[in-house]
Structures are given as structure tokens and as C-alpha cells.
Amino acid sequence: METTGAPTAEHVADVLRHAGLRVTAQRVAVYSALATRPHASVDVVHGAIRDAVPGIALQTVHGVVGDLTDAGIVRRVSLPDADRALYELDFVDNHHHLQCIVCGRVEDVECTVGHAPCLIPSSDHGMRVLEATITFRAICSDCERNGHG
């Protein structure tokens, strides 16, 4: 879920090492950017870290996000009508998302009842359910005030 501030470099290093990853300036910067910008695209992350990691290429950020996702540190969020994948830190909390259909703003919504997954299908067809993902599509108050919707 969303954090209140940037993590310390020591915390990020511990997270990376615990996941079996080498600690690099690029990985620390990407993780830190996602800690303060949940639901960010790779382009947003790249823009956020360019000054901290001079010369970092967009393709490098794609690679780092892929490494962090593969290691289970970052979660890829695919939302309806989103023109690109968004990423957030993976806190293994089975939360859902609320997405404004006008401006694209995304907010986290807690799982409201039960244990993960908080929805149980009427038939599992012999499969073990790992996750239930819900996206609530809405219009945020800013867009509503501006006459959209």
C-alpha cells in the first residue's frame, strides 16, 4: 500500500538483499521512486530518478522494474483503459484499486472482508485461487467538479 515517505537507503538495501538481489544505485533509486509514487509507469519512474542517477536510460529502468517484479518486490498493476502498465511496491496485502475513468488517477482500496483472496469464485474449476483483483472504475471529485461525467 502507499507509504508516507521515502525509505532509507539501508531499508532498501535490506529489501533487495532479502530478495536475493545485488544492491545497485539503479535498484535503490527505482524502489525509492515507487515507494513515494505508487501506481507509476516506467516513464514516471525514469523521470523521477534521472537527476539522482545521471545518464540512466529508460530501457535500464524497464530492466530494473522487471528484476524487482520477478523478485516479488514490485507488483505490476494492469488496469482497464490504462495505456501502459503501472507498478507499485508489493506488500502482499491483496488490496484493490479505484481508477478515475477521466484522468486515470489510481488509489488503493483495502480488501474489505475476509482473508486473501477476499473474493471466492462460485466455482474454482479445480484451481487454487491465489489472488482476487478488482478495479473499481469511478470519476474522482476533481474531474466531477470540472464537469466530466
C-alpha atoms as a PDB file:
ATOM      1  CA  MET A   1       0.000   0.000   0.000  1.00  0.00           C
ATOM      2  CA  GLU A   2       1.004   3.608  -0.217  1.00  0.00           C
ATOM      3  CA  THR A   3       3.810   4.728   2.023  1.00  0.00           C
ATOM      4  CA  THR A   4       4.159   8.085   3.724  1.00  0.00           C
ATOM      5  CA  GLY A   5       7.710   8.878   2.664  1.00  0.00           C
ATOM      6  CA  ALA A   6      10.885   7.743   1.031  1.00  0.00           C
ATOM      7  CA  PRO A   7      12.523   4.710   2.638  1.00  0.00           C
ATOM      8  CA  THR A   8      16.078   4.932   3.889  1.00  0.00           C
ATOM      9  CA  ALA A   9      18.843   3.593   1.695  1.00  0.00           C
ATOM     10  CA  GLU A  10      19.563   0.993   4.377  1.00  0.00           C
ATOM     11  CA  HIS A  11      15.973  -0.235   4.298  1.00  0.00           C
ATOM     12  CA  VAL A  12      16.020  -0.541   0.503  1.00  0.00           C
ATOM     13  CA  ALA A  13      19.348  -2.371   0.615  1.00  0.00           C
ATOM     14  CA  ASP A  14      17.908  -4.829   3.159  1.00  0.00           C
ATOM     15  CA  VAL A  15      14.827  -5.439   0.980  1.00  0.00           C
ATOM     16  CA  LEU A  16      16.982  -6.055  -2.097  1.00  0.00           C
ATOM     17  CA  ARG A  17      19.371  -8.393  -0.290  1.00  0.00           C
ATOM     18  CA  HIS A  18      16.477 -10.303   1.316  1.00  0.00           C
ATOM     19  CA  ALA A  19      15.073 -10.865  -2.201  1.00  0.00           C
ATOM     20  CA  GLY A  20      18.464 -12.154  -3.363  1.00  0.00           C
ATOM     21  CA  LEU A  21      19.275  -9.106  -5.471  1.00  0.00           C
ATOM     22  CA  ARG A  22      22.513  -7.179  -5.614  1.00  0.00           C
ATOM     23  CA  VAL A  23      22.240  -3.632  -4.272  1.00  0.00           C
ATOM     24  CA  THR A  24      22.834  -1.088  -7.055  1.00  0.00           C
ATOM     25  CA  ALA A  25      22.193   2.642  -7.294  1.00  0.00           C
ATOM     26  CA  GLN A  26      19.646   1.999 -10.042  1.00  0.00           C
ATOM     27  CA  ARG A  27      17.660  -0.525  -7.990  1.00  0.00           C
ATOM     28  CA  VAL A  28      17.711   1.671  -4.891  1.00  0.00           C
ATOM     29  CA  ALA A  29      16.508   4.674  -6.923  1.00  0.00           C
ATOM     30  CA  VAL A  30      13.685   2.749  -8.651  1.00  0.00           C
ATOM     31  CA  TYR A  31      12.471   1.211  -5.380  1.00  0.00           C
ATOM     32  CA  SER A  32      12.566   4.599  -3.651  1.00  0.00           C
ATOM     33  CA  ALA A  33      10.663   6.248  -6.505  1.00  0.00           C
ATOM     34  CA  LEU A  34       7.925   3.601  -6.319  1.00  0.00           C
ATOM     35  CA  ALA A  35       7.741   4.000  -2.529  1.00  0.00           C
ATOM     36  CA  THR A  36       6.734   7.639  -2.971  1.00  0.00           C
ATOM     37  CA  ARG A  37       4.861   7.258  -6.289  1.00  0.00           C
ATOM     38  CA  PRO A  38       2.634   4.196  -6.156  1.00  0.00           C
ATOM     39  CA  HIS A  39       0.921   3.236  -9.412  1.00  0.00           C
ATOM     40  CA  ALA A  40       3.704   4.793 -11.505  1.00  0.00           C
ATOM     41  CA  SER A  41       4.591   3.881 -15.058  1.00  0.00           C
ATOM     42  CA  VAL A  42       8.189   3.201 -16.028  1.00  0.00           C
ATOM     43  CA  ASP A  43       8.233   6.625 -17.730  1.00  0.00           C
ATOM     44  CA  VAL A  44       7.242   8.324 -14.462  1.00  0.00           C
ATOM     45  CA  VAL A  45       9.867   6.376 -12.506  1.00  0.00           C
ATOM     46  CA  HIS A  46      12.505   7.259 -15.102  1.00  0.00           C
ATOM     47  CA  GLY A  47      11.627  10.940 -14.858  1.00  0.00           C
ATOM     48  CA  ALA A  48      11.762  10.797 -11.067  1.00  0.00           C
ATOM     49  CA  ILE A  49      15.253   9.287 -10.880  1.00  0.00           C
ATOM     50  CA  ARG A  50      17.092  10.921 -13.799  1.00  0.00           C
ATOM     51  CA  ASP A  51      18.724  13.527 -11.549  1.00  0.00           C
ATOM     52  CA  ALA A  52      19.639  11.001  -8.831  1.00  0.00           C
ATOM     53  CA  VAL A  53      21.112   8.534 -11.347  1.00  0.00           C
ATOM     54  CA  PRO A  54      22.521  10.676 -14.184  1.00  0.00           C
ATOM     55  CA  GLY A  55      22.554   9.008 -17.567  1.00  0.00           C
ATOM     56  CA  ILE A  56      20.140   6.217 -16.655  1.00  0.00           C
ATOM     57  CA  ALA A  57      18.329   5.040 -19.771  1.00  0.00           C
ATOM     58  CA  LEU A  58      14.612   4.312 -19.945  1.00  0.00           C
ATOM     59  CA  GLN A  59      15.463   0.751 -21.011  1.00  0.00           C
ATOM     60  CA  THR A  60      17.557   0.334 -17.852  1.00  0.00           C
ATOM     61  CA  VAL A  61      14.570   1.379 -15.734  1.00  0.00           C
ATOM     62  CA  HIS A  62      12.444  -1.186 -17.598  1.00  0.00           C
ATOM     63  CA  GLY A  63      15.040  -3.834 -16.748  1.00  0.00           C
ATOM     64  CA  VAL A  64      15.224  -2.845 -13.081  1.00  0.00           C
ATOM     65  CA  VAL A  65      11.423  -2.824 -12.746  1.00  0.00           C
ATOM     66  CA  GLY A  66      11.386  -6.272 -14.350  1.00  0.00           C
ATOM     67  CA  ASP A  67      14.019  -7.541 -11.909  1.00  0.00           C
ATOM     68  CA  LEU A  68      12.113  -6.134  -8.915  1.00  0.00           C
ATOM     69  CA  THR A  69       8.851  -7.614 -10.201  1.00  0.00           C
ATOM     70  CA  ASP A  70      10.432 -11.026 -10.765  1.00  0.00           C
ATOM     71  CA  ALA A  71      11.846 -10.893  -7.217  1.00  0.00           C
ATOM     72  CA  GLY A  72       8.376 -10.179  -5.774  1.00  0.00           C
ATOM     73  CA  ILE A  73       9.310  -6.723  -4.507  1.00  0.00           C
ATOM     74  CA  VAL A  74       7.206  -4.822  -7.037  1.00  0.00           C
ATOM     75  CA  ARG A  75       3.747  -5.632  -8.379  1.00  0.00           C
ATOM     76  CA  ARG A  76       2.622  -4.890 -11.934  1.00  0.00           C
ATOM     77  CA  VAL A  77      -0.817  -3.319 -11.989  1.00  0.00           C
ATOM     78  CA  SER A  78      -2.786  -3.680 -15.226  1.00  0.00           C
ATOM     79  CA  LEU A  79      -5.902  -1.547 -15.268  1.00  0.00           C
ATOM     80  CA  PRO A  80      -8.679  -1.155 -17.834  1.00  0.00           C
ATOM     81  CA  ASP A  81      -8.070   1.658 -20.316  1.00  0.00           C
ATOM     82  CA  ALA A  82      -4.553   2.299 -18.986  1.00  0.00           C
ATOM     83  CA  ASP A  83      -2.190   2.972 -21.860  1.00  0.00           C
ATOM     84  CA  ARG A  84       0.693   1.303 -20.011  1.00  0.00           C
ATOM     85  CA  ALA A  85       1.449  -0.916 -17.060  1.00  0.00           C
ATOM     86  CA  LEU A  86       1.707   0.704 -13.651  1.00  0.00           C
ATOM     87  CA  TYR A  87       3.873  -0.513 -10.793  1.00  0.00           C
ATOM     88  CA  GLU A  88       3.688  -0.397  -7.009  1.00  0.00           C
ATOM     89  CA  LEU A  89       5.605  -1.933  -4.150  1.00  0.00           C
ATOM     90  CA  ASP A  90       4.242  -5.390  -3.405  1.00  0.00           C
ATOM     91  CA  PHE A  91       3.112  -5.592   0.201  1.00  0.00           C
ATOM     92  CA  VAL A  92       1.255  -8.921  -0.228  1.00  0.00           C
ATOM     93  CA  ASP A  93      -1.916  -7.380   1.131  1.00  0.00           C
ATOM     94  CA  ASN A  94      -4.427  -8.258  -1.610  1.00  0.00           C
ATOM     95  CA  HIS A  95      -5.718  -4.712  -1.973  1.00  0.00           C
ATOM     96  CA  HIS A  96      -7.760  -3.489  -4.926  1.00  0.00           C
ATOM     97  CA  HIS A  97      -7.802  -0.295  -6.959  1.00  0.00           C
ATOM     98  CA  LEU A  98     -10.107   2.633  -7.630  1.00  0.00           C
ATOM     99  CA  GLN A  99      -9.478   4.258 -11.018  1.00  0.00           C
ATOM    100  CA  CYS A 100     -10.888   7.552 -12.323  1.00  0.00           C
ATOM    101  CA  ILE A 101     -12.120   6.963 -15.876  1.00  0.00           C
ATOM    102  CA  VAL A 102     -11.445  10.605 -16.798  1.00  0.00           C
ATOM    103  CA  CYS A 103      -7.954  11.498 -15.522  1.00  0.00           C
ATOM    104  CA  GLY A 104      -6.690   7.977 -14.775  1.00  0.00           C
ATOM    105  CA  ARG A 105      -5.923   8.656 -11.102  1.00  0.00           C
ATOM    106  CA  VAL A 106      -5.491   5.390  -9.187  1.00  0.00           C
ATOM    107  CA  GLU A 107      -5.978   4.851  -5.468  1.00  0.00           C
ATOM    108  CA  ASP A 108      -5.677   1.752  -3.315  1.00  0.00           C
ATOM    109  CA  VAL A 109      -8.765   0.189  -1.733  1.00  0.00           C
ATOM    110  CA  GLU A 110      -8.366  -2.202   1.181  1.00  0.00           C
ATOM    111  CA  CYS A 111      -9.793  -5.683   0.919  1.00  0.00           C
ATOM    112  CA  THR A 112     -12.955  -5.150   2.928  1.00  0.00           C
ATOM    113  CA  VAL A 113     -13.836  -8.621   4.199  1.00  0.00           C
ATOM    114  CA  GLY A 114     -12.193 -11.962   4.760  1.00  0.00           C
ATOM    115  CA  HIS A 115      -8.678 -13.185   4.175  1.00  0.00           C
ATOM    116  CA  ALA A 116      -6.743 -13.089   0.918  1.00  0.00           C
ATOM    117  CA  PRO A 117      -8.192 -13.578  -1.552  1.00  0.00           C
ATOM    118  CA  CYS A 118     -11.160 -11.642  -0.295  1.00  0.00           C
ATOM    119  CA  LEU A 119     -13.419 -12.955  -3.050  1.00  0.00           C
ATOM    120  CA  ILE A 120     -14.224 -16.586  -3.595  1.00  0.00           C
ATOM    121  CA  PRO A 121     -15.467 -17.673  -7.038  1.00  0.00           C
ATOM    122  CA  SER A 122     -18.656 -19.711  -7.306  1.00  0.00           C
ATOM    123  CA  SER A 123     -16.553 -22.463  -8.923  1.00  0.00           C
ATOM    124  CA  ASP A 124     -12.768 -22.789  -8.849  1.00  0.00           C
ATOM    125  CA  HIS A 125     -12.721 -25.449 -11.637  1.00  0.00           C
ATOM    126  CA  GLY A 126     -10.083 -27.365  -9.660  1.00  0.00           C
ATOM    127  CA  MET A 127      -7.720 -24.391  -9.370  1.00  0.00           C
ATOM    128  CA  ARG A 128      -6.259 -22.911  -6.188  1.00  0.00           C
ATOM    129  CA  VAL A 129      -7.095 -19.204  -6.137  1.00  0.00           C
ATOM    130  CA  LEU A 130      -4.063 -17.038  -5.347  1.00  0.00           C
ATOM    131  CA  GLU A 131      -5.441 -13.559  -5.803  1.00  0.00           C
ATOM    132  CA  ALA A 132      -8.662 -11.715  -6.489  1.00  0.00           C
ATOM    133  CA  THR A 133      -8.218  -8.431  -8.303  1.00  0.00           C
ATOM    134  CA  ILE A 134     -10.920  -5.809  -8.517  1.00  0.00           C
ATOM    135  CA  THR A 135     -10.770  -2.417 -10.162  1.00  0.00           C
ATOM    136  CA  PHE A 136     -13.494  -0.008  -9.202  1.00  0.00           C
ATOM    137  CA  ARG A 137     -13.974   2.423 -12.103  1.00  0.00           C
ATOM    138  CA  ALA A 138     -15.135   5.842 -10.975  1.00  0.00           C
ATOM    139  CA  ILE A 139     -14.919   9.583 -11.514  1.00  0.00           C
ATOM    140  CA  CYS A 140     -12.745  11.433  -8.998  1.00  0.00           C
ATOM    141  CA  SER A 141     -14.041  14.555  -7.285  1.00  0.00           C
ATOM    142  CA  ASP A 142     -11.643  16.845  -9.218  1.00  0.00           C
ATOM    143  CA  CYS A 143     -12.929  15.580 -12.577  1.00  0.00           C
ATOM    144  CA  GLU A 144     -16.537  15.736 -11.363  1.00  0.00           C
ATOM    145  CA  ARG A 145     -16.003  19.360 -10.277  1.00  0.00           C
ATOM    146  CA  ASN A 146     -14.575  20.169 -13.698  1.00  0.00           C
ATOM    147  CA  GLY A 147     -17.733  18.930 -15.403  1.00  0.00           C
ATOM    148  CA  HIS A 148     -16.592  15.488 -16.525  1.00  0.00           C
ATOM    149  CA  GLY A 149     -19.012  12.666 -16.076  1.00  0.00           C
END
